[in-house]
Amino acid sequence: MLPVALYTEPATFRSIPDFRPRVWLGFLSLAVLQYFFAMLIFLTVLTRLDATQAGLSNYLITFFGVLAAAIVLGERFTANMVIGGLLVLSGTLLVTLYEGRKKAEAAAKMAASGE
C-alpha cells in the first residue's frame, strides 16, 4: 500500500517532520493497542480454536473498528456500514456454527464406531 499512499497523499509524507507529539502519541497508541494487543489476543484464541474460526475474527476487526469510531469519535453509521457489519457478523456466525456441527458429527461417528 505504500506506493498507493505515496501517490495519493504525497503532502502527508512530506509533512512527517512537522508532526506534533500528539500525532506520534496517536501512532504509538495504535501500535500498542491495535496491533500488539490484538495479536496477543489472536494468538491466544488460536490456541483454543481452529485456525479457520480464529481467522474469521480478522473480518470482525473492521466491524469493531467502525463501532469504536462511532463510540469514541462520534461518527455516524450509514446504511452501508450497518449492512456490511451485519453481513460480517452473520457470515462469521454461520461458519462457526457449521464448523461446530461438523466437529460434533465427526465425534459422534467416532464414538459410534468404537474408536
PDB file of N, CA and C in Angstrom:
ATOM      1  N   MET A   1       0.807  -1.206   0.000  1.00  0.00           N
ATOM      2  CA  MET A   1       0.000   0.000   0.000  1.00  0.00           C
ATOM      3  C   MET A   1       0.852   1.273   0.000  1.00  0.00           C
ATOM      4  N   LEU A   2       2.122   1.146   0.331  1.00  0.00           N
ATOM      5  CA  LEU A   2       2.969   2.333   0.380  1.00  0.00           C
ATOM      6  C   LEU A   2       3.004   3.087  -0.954  1.00  0.00           C
ATOM      7  N   PRO A   3       3.167   2.401  -2.104  1.00  0.00           N
ATOM      8  CA  PRO A   3       3.152   3.163  -3.366  1.00  0.00           C
ATOM      9  C   PRO A   3       1.830   3.893  -3.591  1.00  0.00           C
ATOM     10  N   VAL A   4       0.721   3.264  -3.239  1.00  0.00           N
ATOM     11  CA  VAL A   4      -0.581   3.917  -3.410  1.00  0.00           C
ATOM     12  C   VAL A   4      -0.683   5.129  -2.492  1.00  0.00           C
ATOM     13  N   ALA A   5      -0.249   4.961  -1.241  1.00  0.00           N
ATOM     14  CA  ALA A   5      -0.294   6.078  -0.299  1.00  0.00           C
ATOM     15  C   ALA A   5       0.618   7.217  -0.738  1.00  0.00           C
ATOM     16  N   LEU A   6       1.795   6.883  -1.222  1.00  0.00           N
ATOM     17  CA  LEU A   6       2.707   7.923  -1.714  1.00  0.00           C
ATOM     18  C   LEU A   6       2.116   8.676  -2.897  1.00  0.00           C
ATOM     19  N   TYR A   7       1.412   7.959  -3.757  1.00  0.00           N
ATOM     20  CA  TYR A   7       0.813   8.590  -4.938  1.00  0.00           C
ATOM     21  C   TYR A   7      -0.391   9.462  -4.555  1.00  0.00           C
ATOM     22  N   THR A   8      -1.230   8.957  -3.657  1.00  0.00           N
ATOM     23  CA  THR A   8      -2.471   9.669  -3.343  1.00  0.00           C
ATOM     24  C   THR A   8      -2.309  10.732  -2.263  1.00  0.00           C
ATOM     25  N   GLU A   9      -1.326  10.581  -1.390  1.00  0.00           N
ATOM     26  CA  GLU A   9      -1.143  11.516  -0.280  1.00  0.00           C
ATOM     27  C   GLU A   9       0.304  12.000  -0.170  1.00  0.00           C
ATOM     28  N   PRO A  10       0.890  12.563  -1.219  1.00  0.00           N
ATOM     29  CA  PRO A  10       2.301  12.964  -1.125  1.00  0.00           C
ATOM     30  C   PRO A  10       2.548  14.058  -0.093  1.00  0.00           C
ATOM     31  N   ALA A  11       1.593  14.945   0.106  1.00  0.00           N
ATOM     32  CA  ALA A  11       1.780  16.040   1.064  1.00  0.00           C
ATOM     33  C   ALA A  11       1.909  15.514   2.490  1.00  0.00           C
ATOM     34  N   THR A  12       1.190  14.446   2.800  1.00  0.00           N
ATOM     35  CA  THR A  12       1.265  13.874   4.146  1.00  0.00           C
ATOM     36  C   THR A  12       2.667  13.379   4.431  1.00  0.00           C
ATOM     37  N   PHE A  13       3.273  12.716   3.480  1.00  0.00           N
ATOM     38  CA  PHE A  13       4.614  12.179   3.700  1.00  0.00           C
ATOM     39  C   PHE A  13       5.657  13.291   3.782  1.00  0.00           C
ATOM     40  N   ARG A  14       5.420  14.366   3.058  1.00  0.00           N
ATOM     41  CA  ARG A  14       6.349  15.489   3.141  1.00  0.00           C
ATOM     42  C   ARG A  14       6.259  16.205   4.490  1.00  0.00           C
ATOM     43  N   SER A  15       5.101  16.105   5.149  1.00  0.00           N
ATOM     44  CA  SER A  15       4.918  16.826   6.414  1.00  0.00           C
ATOM     45  C   SER A  15       5.249  15.975   7.643  1.00  0.00           C
ATOM     46  N   ILE A  16       5.778  14.771   7.472  1.00  0.00           N
ATOM     47  CA  ILE A  16       6.117  13.914   8.618  1.00  0.00           C
ATOM     48  C   ILE A  16       7.062  14.609   9.595  1.00  0.00           C
ATOM     49  N   PRO A  17       8.090  15.317   9.136  1.00  0.00           N
ATOM     50  CA  PRO A  17       8.962  16.003  10.108  1.00  0.00           C
ATOM     51  C   PRO A  17       8.230  17.046  10.956  1.00  0.00           C
ATOM     52  N   ASP A  18       7.087  17.530  10.487  1.00  0.00           N
ATOM     53  CA  ASP A  18       6.340  18.550  11.214  1.00  0.00           C
ATOM     54  C   ASP A  18       5.277  17.979  12.146  1.00  0.00           C
ATOM     55  N   PHE A  19       5.167  16.658  12.228  1.00  0.00           N
ATOM     56  CA  PHE A  19       4.165  16.056  13.110  1.00  0.00           C
ATOM     57  C   PHE A  19       4.432  16.461  14.552  1.00  0.00           C
ATOM     58  N   ARG A  20       3.394  16.793  15.255  1.00  0.00           N
ATOM     59  CA  ARG A  20       3.486  17.180  16.655  1.00  0.00           C
ATOM     60  C   ARG A  20       3.507  15.919  17.537  1.00  0.00           C
ATOM     61  N   PRO A  21       3.895  16.061  18.798  1.00  0.00           N
ATOM     62  CA  PRO A  21       3.922  14.898  19.706  1.00  0.00           C
ATOM     63  C   PRO A  21       2.578  14.179  19.824  1.00  0.00           C
ATOM     64  N   ARG A  22       1.494  14.919  19.691  1.00  0.00           N
ATOM     65  CA  ARG A  22       0.165  14.291  19.789  1.00  0.00           C
ATOM     66  C   ARG A  22      -0.049  13.280  18.660  1.00  0.00           C
ATOM     67  N   VAL A  23       0.434  13.595  17.476  1.00  0.00           N
ATOM     68  CA  VAL A  23       0.313  12.671  16.336  1.00  0.00           C
ATOM     69  C   VAL A  23       1.141  11.423  16.597  1.00  0.00           C
ATOM     70  N   TRP A  24       2.375  11.613  17.077  1.00  0.00           N
ATOM     71  CA  TRP A  24       3.229  10.458  17.365  1.00  0.00           C
ATOM     72  C   TRP A  24       2.647   9.617  18.503  1.00  0.00           C
ATOM     73  N   LEU A  25       2.002  10.266  19.466  1.00  0.00           N
ATOM     74  CA  LEU A  25       1.332   9.530  20.537  1.00  0.00           C
ATOM     75  C   LEU A  25       0.174   8.706  19.968  1.00  0.00           C
ATOM     76  N   GLY A  26      -0.520   9.264  18.991  1.00  0.00           N
ATOM     77  CA  GLY A  26      -1.592   8.518  18.326  1.00  0.00           C
ATOM     78  C   GLY A  26      -1.051   7.303  17.599  1.00  0.00           C
ATOM     79  N   PHE A  27       0.058   7.465  16.888  1.00  0.00           N
ATOM     80  CA  PHE A  27       0.684   6.325  16.214  1.00  0.00           C
ATOM     81  C   PHE A  27       1.113   5.261  17.219  1.00  0.00           C
ATOM     82  N   LEU A  28       1.705   5.698  18.319  1.00  0.00           N
ATOM     83  CA  LEU A  28       2.158   4.770  19.349  1.00  0.00           C
ATOM     84  C   LEU A  28       0.986   4.014  19.965  1.00  0.00           C
ATOM     85  N   SER A  29      -0.100   4.728  20.252  1.00  0.00           N
ATOM     86  CA  SER A  29      -1.263   4.056  20.841  1.00  0.00           C
ATOM     87  C   SER A  29      -1.874   3.063  19.862  1.00  0.00           C
ATOM     88  N   LEU A  30      -1.896   3.394  18.571  1.00  0.00           N
ATOM     89  CA  LEU A  30      -2.375   2.436  17.577  1.00  0.00           C
ATOM     90  C   LEU A  30      -1.482   1.199  17.539  1.00  0.00           C
ATOM     91  N   ALA A  31      -0.193   1.423  17.586  1.00  0.00           N
ATOM     92  CA  ALA A  31       0.745   0.299  17.536  1.00  0.00           C
ATOM     93  C   ALA A  31       0.558  -0.617  18.732  1.00  0.00           C
ATOM     94  N   VAL A  32       0.440  -0.036  19.909  1.00  0.00           N
ATOM     95  CA  VAL A  32       0.331  -0.855  21.121  1.00  0.00           C
ATOM     96  C   VAL A  32      -1.051  -1.468  21.243  1.00  0.00           C
ATOM     97  N   LEU A  33      -2.075  -0.659  21.141  1.00  0.00           N
ATOM     98  CA  LEU A  33      -3.429  -1.164  21.380  1.00  0.00           C
ATOM     99  C   LEU A  33      -3.939  -2.035  20.241  1.00  0.00           C
ATOM    100  N   GLN A  34      -3.858  -1.525  19.042  1.00  0.00           N
ATOM    101  CA  GLN A  34      -4.477  -2.247  17.936  1.00  0.00           C
ATOM    102  C   GLN A  34      -3.625  -3.411  17.463  1.00  0.00           C
ATOM    103  N   TYR A  35      -2.345  -3.209  17.310  1.00  0.00           N
ATOM    104  CA  TYR A  35      -1.527  -4.252  16.704  1.00  0.00           C
ATOM    105  C   TYR A  35      -0.956  -5.219  17.734  1.00  0.00           C
ATOM    106  N   PHE A  36      -0.331  -4.723  18.786  1.00  0.00           N
ATOM    107  CA  PHE A  36       0.307  -5.587  19.765  1.00  0.00           C
ATOM    108  C   PHE A  36      -0.716  -6.408  20.546  1.00  0.00           C
ATOM    109  N   PHE A  37      -1.661  -5.739  21.198  1.00  0.00           N
ATOM    110  CA  PHE A  37      -2.645  -6.461  21.992  1.00  0.00           C
ATOM    111  C   PHE A  37      -3.565  -7.316  21.125  1.00  0.00           C
ATOM    112  N   ALA A  38      -3.916  -6.814  19.961  1.00  0.00           N
ATOM    113  CA  ALA A  38      -4.768  -7.593  19.062  1.00  0.00           C
ATOM    114  C   ALA A  38      -4.069  -8.891  18.658  1.00  0.00           C
ATOM    115  N   MET A  39      -2.771  -8.824  18.401  1.00  0.00           N
ATOM    116  CA  MET A  39      -2.033 -10.030  18.019  1.00  0.00           C
ATOM    117  C   MET A  39      -1.923 -10.989  19.197  1.00  0.00           C
ATOM    118  N   LEU A  40      -1.715 -10.475  20.396  1.00  0.00           N
ATOM    119  CA  LEU A  40      -1.681 -11.347  21.575  1.00  0.00           C
ATOM    120  C   LEU A  40      -3.015 -12.066  21.768  1.00  0.00           C
ATOM    121  N   ILE A  41      -4.092 -11.329  21.635  1.00  0.00           N
ATOM    122  CA  ILE A  41      -5.414 -11.933  21.789  1.00  0.00           C
ATOM    123  C   ILE A  41      -5.651 -12.955  20.689  1.00  0.00           C
ATOM    124  N   PHE A  42      -5.289 -12.612  19.450  1.00  0.00           N
ATOM    125  CA  PHE A  42      -5.481 -13.535  18.333  1.00  0.00           C
ATOM    126  C   PHE A  42      -4.704 -14.828  18.544  1.00  0.00           C
ATOM    127  N   LEU A  43      -3.460 -14.728  18.963  1.00  0.00           N
ATOM    128  CA  LEU A  43      -2.660 -15.939  19.170  1.00  0.00           C
ATOM    129  C   LEU A  43      -3.179 -16.759  20.338  1.00  0.00           C
ATOM    130  N   THR A  44      -3.712 -16.114  21.353  1.00  0.00           N
ATOM    131  CA  THR A  44      -4.329 -16.845  22.463  1.00  0.00           C
ATOM    132  C   THR A  44      -5.573 -17.590  21.976  1.00  0.00           C
ATOM    133  N   VAL A  45      -6.384 -16.921  21.186  1.00  0.00           N
ATOM    134  CA  VAL A  45      -7.585 -17.560  20.634  1.00  0.00           C
ATOM    135  C   VAL A  45      -7.191 -18.712  19.714  1.00  0.00           C
ATOM    136  N   LEU A  46      -6.111 -18.531  18.974  1.00  0.00           N
ATOM    137  CA  LEU A  46      -5.661 -19.563  18.038  1.00  0.00           C
ATOM    138  C   LEU A  46      -5.293 -20.861  18.760  1.00  0.00           C
ATOM    139  N   THR A  47      -4.852 -20.776  20.003  1.00  0.00           N
ATOM    140  CA  THR A  47      -4.536 -21.994  20.759  1.00  0.00           C
ATOM    141  C   THR A  47      -5.788 -22.708  21.237  1.00  0.00           C
ATOM    142  N   ARG A  48      -6.921 -22.022  21.235  1.00  0.00           N
ATOM    143  CA  ARG A  48      -8.158 -22.610  21.736  1.00  0.00           C
ATOM    144  C   ARG A  48      -9.158 -22.989  20.637  1.00  0.00           C
ATOM    145  N   LEU A  49      -9.042 -22.385  19.481  1.00  0.00           N
ATOM    146  CA  LEU A  49      -9.980 -22.627  18.390  1.00  0.00           C
ATOM    147  C   LEU A  49      -9.229 -23.122  17.161  1.00  0.00           C
ATOM    148  N   ASP A  50      -9.992 -23.634  16.204  1.00  0.00           N
ATOM    149  CA  ASP A  50      -9.413 -23.991  14.915  1.00  0.00           C
ATOM    150  C   ASP A  50      -8.915 -22.725  14.218  1.00  0.00           C
ATOM    151  N   ALA A  51      -7.961 -22.918  13.343  1.00  0.00           N
ATOM    152  CA  ALA A  51      -7.401 -21.779  12.606  1.00  0.00           C
ATOM    153  C   ALA A  51      -8.472 -21.077  11.773  1.00  0.00           C
ATOM    154  N   THR A  52      -9.418 -21.846  11.225  1.00  0.00           N
ATOM    155  CA  THR A  52     -10.485 -21.245  10.422  1.00  0.00           C
ATOM    156  C   THR A  52     -11.321 -20.297  11.262  1.00  0.00           C
ATOM    157  N   GLN A  53     -11.714 -20.752  12.436  1.00  0.00           N
ATOM    158  CA  GLN A  53     -12.540 -19.912  13.296  1.00  0.00           C
ATOM    159  C   GLN A  53     -11.753 -18.709  13.812  1.00  0.00           C
ATOM    160  N   ALA A  54     -10.512 -18.919  14.176  1.00  0.00           N
ATOM    161  CA  ALA A  54      -9.703 -17.802  14.650  1.00  0.00           C
ATOM    162  C   ALA A  54      -9.454 -16.810  13.513  1.00  0.00           C
ATOM    163  N   GLY A  55      -9.234 -17.308  12.312  1.00  0.00           N
ATOM    164  CA  GLY A  55      -9.023 -16.438  11.163  1.00  0.00           C
ATOM    165  C   GLY A  55     -10.239 -15.587  10.844  1.00  0.00           C
ATOM    166  N   LEU A  56     -11.415 -16.118  11.126  1.00  0.00           N
ATOM    167  CA  LEU A  56     -12.635 -15.348  10.878  1.00  0.00           C
ATOM    168  C   LEU A  56     -12.689 -14.089  11.732  1.00  0.00           C
ATOM    169  N   SER A  57     -12.022 -14.123  12.873  1.00  0.00           N
ATOM    170  CA  SER A  57     -12.033 -12.939  13.731  1.00  0.00           C
ATOM    171  C   SER A  57     -11.383 -11.746  13.030  1.00  0.00           C
ATOM    172  N   ASN A  58     -10.523 -11.987  12.058  1.00  0.00           N
ATOM    173  CA  ASN A  58      -9.920 -10.879  11.310  1.00  0.00           C
ATOM    174  C   ASN A  58     -10.971 -10.064  10.571  1.00  0.00           C
ATOM    175  N   TYR A  59     -12.054 -10.718  10.153  1.00  0.00           N
ATOM    176  CA  TYR A  59     -13.114  -9.994   9.466  1.00  0.00           C
ATOM    177  C   TYR A  59     -13.898  -9.103  10.420  1.00  0.00           C
ATOM    178  N   LEU A  60     -13.828  -9.416  11.702  1.00  0.00           N
ATOM    179  CA  LEU A  60     -14.553  -8.615  12.684  1.00  0.00           C
ATOM    180  C   LEU A  60     -13.788  -7.347  13.068  1.00  0.00           C
ATOM    181  N   ILE A  61     -12.516  -7.261  12.706  1.00  0.00           N
ATOM    182  CA  ILE A  61     -11.718  -6.083  13.049  1.00  0.00           C
ATOM    183  C   ILE A  61     -12.357  -4.830  12.477  1.00  0.00           C
ATOM    184  N   THR A  62     -12.758  -4.890  11.231  1.00  0.00           N
ATOM    185  CA  THR A  62     -13.383  -3.723  10.598  1.00  0.00           C
ATOM    186  C   THR A  62     -14.683  -3.359  11.288  1.00  0.00           C
ATOM    187  N   PHE A  63     -15.480  -4.372  11.609  1.00  0.00           N
ATOM    188  CA  PHE A  63     -16.758  -4.131  12.280  1.00  0.00           C
ATOM    189  C   PHE A  63     -16.535  -3.410  13.609  1.00  0.00           C
ATOM    190  N   PHE A  64     -15.625  -3.934  14.425  1.00  0.00           N
ATOM    191  CA  PHE A  64     -15.382  -3.317  15.723  1.00  0.00           C
ATOM    192  C   PHE A  64     -14.656  -1.976  15.590  1.00  0.00           C
ATOM    193  N   GLY A  65     -13.877  -1.802  14.536  1.00  0.00           N
ATOM    194  CA  GLY A  65     -13.244  -0.504  14.288  1.00  0.00           C
ATOM    195  C   GLY A  65     -14.275   0.573  14.004  1.00  0.00           C
ATOM    196  N   VAL A  66     -15.265   0.245  13.196  1.00  0.00           N
ATOM    197  CA  VAL A  66     -16.335   1.199  12.896  1.00  0.00           C
ATOM    198  C   VAL A  66     -17.157   1.476  14.152  1.00  0.00           C
ATOM    199  N   LEU A  67     -17.415   0.428  14.918  1.00  0.00           N
ATOM    200  CA  LEU A  67     -18.160   0.591  16.167  1.00  0.00           C
ATOM    201  C   LEU A  67     -17.390   1.481  17.143  1.00  0.00           C
ATOM    202  N   ALA A  68     -16.088   1.262  17.259  1.00  0.00           N
ATOM    203  CA  ALA A  68     -15.261   2.100  18.139  1.00  0.00           C
ATOM    204  C   ALA A  68     -15.242   3.545  17.654  1.00  0.00           C
ATOM    205  N   ALA A  69     -15.176   3.757  16.340  1.00  0.00           N
ATOM    206  CA  ALA A  69     -15.191   5.116  15.794  1.00  0.00           C
ATOM    207  C   ALA A  69     -16.506   5.816  16.116  1.00  0.00           C
ATOM    208  N   ALA A  70     -17.585   5.065  16.076  1.00  0.00           N
ATOM    209  CA  ALA A  70     -18.881   5.661  16.398  1.00  0.00           C
ATOM    210  C   ALA A  70     -18.948   6.054  17.873  1.00  0.00           C
ATOM    211  N   ILE A  71     -18.398   5.211  18.727  1.00  0.00           N
ATOM    212  CA  ILE A  71     -18.464   5.486  20.162  1.00  0.00           C
ATOM    213  C   ILE A  71     -17.468   6.576  20.559  1.00  0.00           C
ATOM    214  N   VAL A  72     -16.218   6.422  20.150  1.00  0.00           N
ATOM    215  CA  VAL A  72     -15.158   7.323  20.611  1.00  0.00           C
ATOM    216  C   VAL A  72     -15.163   8.647  19.867  1.00  0.00           C
ATOM    217  N   LEU A  73     -15.328   8.597  18.556  1.00  0.00           N
ATOM    218  CA  LEU A  73     -15.210   9.805  17.743  1.00  0.00           C
ATOM    219  C   LEU A  73     -16.546  10.447  17.384  1.00  0.00           C
ATOM    220  N   GLY A  74     -17.633   9.781  17.734  1.00  0.00           N
ATOM    221  CA  GLY A  74     -18.945  10.327  17.421  1.00  0.00           C
ATOM    222  C   GLY A  74     -19.325  10.190  15.960  1.00  0.00           C
ATOM    223  N   GLU A  75     -18.693   9.258  15.247  1.00  0.00           N
ATOM    224  CA  GLU A  75     -19.037   9.030  13.843  1.00  0.00           C
ATOM    225  C   GLU A  75     -20.467   8.492  13.750  1.00  0.00           C
ATOM    226  N   ARG A  76     -21.088   8.754  12.628  1.00  0.00           N
ATOM    227  CA  ARG A  76     -22.458   8.266  12.417  1.00  0.00           C
ATOM    228  C   ARG A  76     -22.439   7.061  11.494  1.00  0.00           C
ATOM    229  N   PHE A  77     -23.312   6.121  11.790  1.00  0.00           N
ATOM    230  CA  PHE A  77     -23.441   4.931  10.954  1.00  0.00           C
ATOM    231  C   PHE A  77     -24.220   5.278   9.699  1.00  0.00           C
ATOM    232  N   THR A  78     -23.787   4.692   8.580  1.00  0.00           N
ATOM    233  CA  THR A  78     -24.556   4.787   7.345  1.00  0.00           C
ATOM    234  C   THR A  78     -25.235   3.439   7.126  1.00  0.00           C
ATOM    235  N   ALA A  79     -26.156   3.401   6.208  1.00  0.00           N
ATOM    236  CA  ALA A  79     -26.850   2.144   5.915  1.00  0.00           C
ATOM    237  C   ALA A  79     -25.857   1.085   5.429  1.00  0.00           C
ATOM    238  N   ASN A  80     -24.893   1.486   4.612  1.00  0.00           N
ATOM    239  CA  ASN A  80     -23.894   0.536   4.124  1.00  0.00           C
ATOM    240  C   ASN A  80     -23.046  -0.035   5.260  1.00  0.00           C
ATOM    241  N   MET A  81     -22.722   0.789   6.239  1.00  0.00           N
ATOM    242  CA  MET A  81     -21.954   0.302   7.388  1.00  0.00           C
ATOM    243  C   MET A  81     -22.744  -0.747   8.168  1.00  0.00           C
ATOM    244  N   VAL A  82     -23.999  -0.479   8.399  1.00  0.00           N
ATOM    245  CA  VAL A  82     -24.840  -1.418   9.154  1.00  0.00           C
ATOM    246  C   VAL A  82     -25.012  -2.715   8.367  1.00  0.00           C
ATOM    247  N   ILE A  83     -25.298  -2.612   7.085  1.00  0.00           N
ATOM    248  CA  ILE A  83     -25.467  -3.814   6.257  1.00  0.00           C
ATOM    249  C   ILE A  83     -24.176  -4.608   6.197  1.00  0.00           C
ATOM    250  N   GLY A  84     -23.052  -3.934   5.997  1.00  0.00           N
ATOM    251  CA  GLY A  84     -21.763  -4.621   5.968  1.00  0.00           C
ATOM    252  C   GLY A  84     -21.445  -5.294   7.284  1.00  0.00           C
ATOM    253  N   GLY A  85     -21.697  -4.610   8.389  1.00  0.00           N
ATOM    254  CA  GLY A  85     -21.459  -5.205   9.708  1.00  0.00           C
ATOM    255  C   GLY A  85     -22.321  -6.426   9.942  1.00  0.00           C
ATOM    256  N   LEU A  86     -23.580  -6.348   9.553  1.00  0.00           N
ATOM    257  CA  LEU A  86     -24.465  -7.497   9.714  1.00  0.00           C
ATOM    258  C   LEU A  86     -24.030  -8.669   8.841  1.00  0.00           C
ATOM    259  N   LEU A  87     -23.557  -8.386   7.635  1.00  0.00           N
ATOM    260  CA  LEU A  87     -23.055  -9.454   6.766  1.00  0.00           C
ATOM    261  C   LEU A  87     -21.829 -10.130   7.374  1.00  0.00           C
ATOM    262  N   VAL A  88     -20.916  -9.335   7.905  1.00  0.00           N
ATOM    263  CA  VAL A  88     -19.714  -9.899   8.521  1.00  0.00           C
ATOM    264  C   VAL A  88     -20.078 -10.729   9.742  1.00  0.00           C
ATOM    265  N   LEU A  89     -20.938 -10.196  10.601  1.00  0.00           N
ATOM    266  CA  LEU A  89     -21.335 -10.944  11.798  1.00  0.00           C
ATOM    267  C   LEU A  89     -22.082 -12.222  11.453  1.00  0.00           C
ATOM    268  N   SER A  90     -22.999 -12.143  10.514  1.00  0.00           N
ATOM    269  CA  SER A  90     -23.771 -13.338  10.160  1.00  0.00           C
ATOM    270  C   SER A  90     -22.888 -14.367   9.462  1.00  0.00           C
ATOM    271  N   GLY A  91     -21.987 -13.934   8.606  1.00  0.00           N
ATOM    272  CA  GLY A  91     -21.080 -14.873   7.949  1.00  0.00           C
ATOM    273  C   GLY A  91     -20.173 -15.572   8.942  1.00  0.00           C
ATOM    274  N   THR A  92     -19.646 -14.815   9.895  1.00  0.00           N
ATOM    275  CA  THR A  92     -18.797 -15.396  10.929  1.00  0.00           C
ATOM    276  C   THR A  92     -19.578 -16.390  11.765  1.00  0.00           C
ATOM    277  N   LEU A  93     -20.798 -16.030  12.128  1.00  0.00           N
ATOM    278  CA  LEU A  93     -21.635 -16.932  12.918  1.00  0.00           C
ATOM    279  C   LEU A  93     -21.957 -18.201  12.149  1.00  0.00           C
ATOM    280  N   LEU A  94     -22.313 -18.071  10.875  1.00  0.00           N
ATOM    281  CA  LEU A  94     -22.659 -19.250  10.078  1.00  0.00           C
ATOM    282  C   LEU A  94     -21.480 -20.220   9.942  1.00  0.00           C
ATOM    283  N   VAL A  95     -20.299 -19.704   9.678  1.00  0.00           N
ATOM    284  CA  VAL A  95     -19.128 -20.572   9.539  1.00  0.00           C
ATOM    285  C   VAL A  95     -18.792 -21.221  10.872  1.00  0.00           C
ATOM    286  N   THR A  96     -18.889 -20.471  11.953  1.00  0.00           N
ATOM    287  CA  THR A  96     -18.606 -21.025  13.278  1.00  0.00           C
ATOM    288  C   THR A  96     -19.590 -22.142  13.616  1.00  0.00           C
ATOM    289  N   LEU A  97     -20.865 -21.922  13.352  1.00  0.00           N
ATOM    290  CA  LEU A  97     -21.863 -22.959  13.622  1.00  0.00           C
ATOM    291  C   LEU A  97     -21.647 -24.176  12.732  1.00  0.00           C
ATOM    292  N   TYR A  98     -21.310 -23.955  11.460  1.00  0.00           N
ATOM    293  CA  TYR A  98     -21.075 -25.050  10.531  1.00  0.00           C
ATOM    294  C   TYR A  98     -19.888 -25.891  10.976  1.00  0.00           C
ATOM    295  N   GLU A  99     -18.796 -25.222  11.363  1.00  0.00           N
ATOM    296  CA  GLU A  99     -17.610 -25.939  11.829  1.00  0.00           C
ATOM    297  C   GLU A  99     -17.925 -26.721  13.104  1.00  0.00           C
ATOM    298  N   GLY A 100     -18.695 -26.131  14.002  1.00  0.00           N
ATOM    299  CA  GLY A 100     -19.073 -26.812  15.239  1.00  0.00           C
ATOM    300  C   GLY A 100     -19.921 -28.047  14.965  1.00  0.00           C
ATOM    301  N   ARG A 101     -20.821 -27.928  14.002  1.00  0.00           N
ATOM    302  CA  ARG A 101     -21.670 -29.066  13.654  1.00  0.00           C
ATOM    303  C   ARG A 101     -20.837 -30.179  13.022  1.00  0.00           C
ATOM    304  N   LYS A 102     -19.892 -29.813  12.152  1.00  0.00           N
ATOM    305  CA  LYS A 102     -19.027 -30.822  11.540  1.00  0.00           C
ATOM    306  C   LYS A 102     -18.210 -31.562  12.589  1.00  0.00           C
ATOM    307  N   LYS A 103     -17.704 -30.847  13.586  1.00  0.00           N
ATOM    308  CA  LYS A 103     -16.925 -31.480  14.653  1.00  0.00           C
ATOM    309  C   LYS A 103     -17.795 -32.418  15.474  1.00  0.00           C
ATOM    310  N   ALA A 104     -19.001 -31.979  15.789  1.00  0.00           N
ATOM    311  CA  ALA A 104     -19.905 -32.811  16.584  1.00  0.00           C
ATOM    312  C   ALA A 104     -20.273 -34.083  15.822  1.00  0.00           C
ATOM    313  N   GLU A 105     -20.527 -33.963  14.518  1.00  0.00           N
ATOM    314  CA  GLU A 105     -20.852 -35.143  13.716  1.00  0.00           C
ATOM    315  C   GLU A 105     -19.669 -36.095  13.639  1.00  0.00           C
ATOM    316  N   ALA A 106     -18.467 -35.557  13.485  1.00  0.00           N
ATOM    317  CA  ALA A 106     -17.267 -36.404  13.427  1.00  0.00           C
ATOM    318  C   ALA A 106     -17.047 -37.110  14.755  1.00  0.00           C
ATOM    319  N   ALA A 107     -17.281 -36.410  15.859  1.00  0.00           N
ATOM    320  CA  ALA A 107     -17.121 -37.024  17.176  1.00  0.00           C
ATOM    321  C   ALA A 107     -18.167 -38.114  17.388  1.00  0.00           C
ATOM    322  N   ALA A 108     -19.386 -37.874  16.915  1.00  0.00           N
ATOM    323  CA  ALA A 108     -20.446 -38.878  17.061  1.00  0.00           C
ATOM    324  C   ALA A 108     -20.128 -40.112  16.223  1.00  0.00           C
ATOM    325  N   LYS A 109     -19.600 -39.932  15.016  1.00  0.00           N
ATOM    326  CA  LYS A 109     -19.218 -41.070  14.181  1.00  0.00           C
ATOM    327  C   LYS A 109     -18.101 -41.875  14.815  1.00  0.00           C
ATOM    328  N   MET A 110     -17.130 -41.180  15.405  1.00  0.00           N
ATOM    329  CA  MET A 110     -16.032 -41.875  16.060  1.00  0.00           C
ATOM    330  C   MET A 110     -16.520 -42.657  17.272  1.00  0.00           C
ATOM    331  N   ALA A 111     -17.440 -42.069  18.020  1.00  0.00           N
ATOM    332  CA  ALA A 111     -17.983 -42.748  19.196  1.00  0.00           C
ATOM    333  C   ALA A 111     -18.825 -43.948  18.790  1.00  0.00           C
ATOM    334  N   ALA A 112     -19.550 -43.824  17.682  1.00  0.00           N
ATOM    335  CA  ALA A 112     -20.404 -44.916  17.223  1.00  0.00           C
ATOM    336  C   ALA A 112     -19.576 -46.083  16.661  1.00  0.00           C
ATOM    337  N   SER A 113     -18.438 -45.740  16.086  1.00  0.00           N
ATOM    338  CA  SER A 113     -17.612 -46.809  15.524  1.00  0.00           C
ATOM    339  C   SER A 113     -16.715 -47.443  16.582  1.00  0.00           C
ATOM    340  N   GLY A 114     -16.724 -46.909  17.803  1.00  0.00           N
ATOM    341  CA  GLY A 114     -15.977 -47.514  18.890  1.00  0.00           C
ATOM    342  C   GLY A 114     -14.528 -47.096  18.960  1.00  0.00           C
ATOM    343  N   GLU A 115     -14.143 -46.050  18.328  1.00  0.00           N
ATOM    344  CA  GLU A 115     -12.747 -45.587  18.352  1.00  0.00           C
ATOM    345  C   GLU A 115     -12.477 -44.719  19.551  1.00  0.00           C
TER     346      GLU A 115
END
